[in-house]
Amino acid sequence: MPLSVATFLMFEGYAKEAMDLYQLAYKILSRDGKILMPLDNYEFSHCFAWVRDKIGVTWQLNLRADG
């Protein structure tokens, strides 16, 4: 049975700065990889994405809502 590990990144702080950093991470990690869930507003998170990078590591990115 293959082992699967996902890395979870939580972004929070000043809205514009956090969103800029979030989008940069999404762009870099998905380059030459695969988007498993595109950056979008989901029922469980207003800004979430899940990607597999070019070496096969999966990343779940979440932007915490203000307030």
Protein backbone atom coordinates (compact mmCIF):
# COMPACT_ATOMS: atom_id res chain seq x y z
CA MET A 1 0.00 0.00 0.00
CA PRO A 2 1.56 3.36 -1.02
CA LEU A 3 2.04 6.02 1.62
CA SER A 4 0.44 9.42 1.04
CA VAL A 5 1.32 12.62 2.88
CA ALA A 6 -0.19 16.09 2.40
CA THR A 7 1.33 19.31 3.65
CA PHE A 8 -1.13 21.91 4.92
CA LEU A 9 -0.31 25.62 4.68
CA MET A 10 -2.48 28.12 6.57
CA PHE A 11 -2.21 31.77 5.52
CA GLU A 12 -3.47 34.53 7.78
CA GLY A 13 -2.72 38.12 8.64
CA TYR A 14 -3.34 41.33 6.75
CA ALA A 15 -5.79 40.45 3.98
CA LYS A 16 -3.88 41.80 0.94
CA GLU A 17 -0.47 40.55 2.07
CA ALA A 18 -1.81 37.11 3.00
CA MET A 19 -3.69 36.80 -0.32
CA ASP A 20 -0.59 37.83 -2.31
CA LEU A 21 1.56 35.24 -0.52
CA TYR A 22 -1.18 32.60 -0.89
CA GLN A 23 -1.48 33.19 -4.65
CA LEU A 24 2.31 33.10 -5.07
CA ALA A 25 2.55 29.77 -3.22
CA TYR A 26 -0.32 28.36 -5.32
CA LYS A 27 1.36 29.45 -8.55
CA ILE A 28 4.80 28.07 -7.62
CA LEU A 29 3.57 24.77 -6.17
CA SER A 30 1.20 24.00 -9.06
CA ARG A 31 3.77 24.86 -11.78
CA ASP A 32 4.69 21.61 -13.58
CA GLY A 33 2.45 19.75 -11.12
CA LYS A 34 -1.26 19.02 -10.95
CA ILE A 35 -4.16 21.03 -9.51
CA LEU A 36 -6.32 18.64 -7.48
CA MET A 37 -8.78 21.30 -6.27
CA PRO A 38 -8.45 24.75 -7.86
CA LEU A 39 -8.16 27.89 -5.77
CA ASP A 40 -11.78 28.68 -5.00
CA ASN A 41 -14.44 29.38 -2.41
CA TYR A 42 -15.62 26.09 -0.88
CA GLU A 43 -18.23 25.30 1.75
CA PHE A 44 -15.50 24.58 4.31
CA SER A 45 -13.20 27.49 3.38
CA HIS A 46 -13.61 30.78 1.54
CA CYS A 47 -10.20 30.34 -0.13
CA PHE A 48 -8.76 26.82 -0.49
CA ALA A 49 -6.63 24.94 -3.00
CA TRP A 50 -5.03 21.50 -3.20
CA VAL A 51 -2.12 20.84 -5.55
CA ARG A 52 0.50 18.19 -6.25
CA ASP A 53 3.90 19.70 -6.97
CA LYS A 54 6.30 18.53 -9.67
CA ILE A 55 7.96 15.97 -7.37
CA GLY A 56 4.67 14.49 -6.14
CA VAL A 57 4.18 16.20 -2.77
CA THR A 58 0.59 17.33 -2.21
CA TRP A 59 -0.15 20.71 -0.65
CA GLN A 60 -3.40 21.96 0.83
CA LEU A 61 -3.47 25.75 1.01
CA ASN A 62 -6.00 27.64 3.07
CA LEU A 63 -6.49 31.38 3.60
CA ARG A 64 -8.07 32.06 6.96
CA ALA A 65 -10.94 34.53 6.85
CA ASP A 66 -10.49 37.84 8.67
CA GLY A 67 -12.22 38.26 11.99
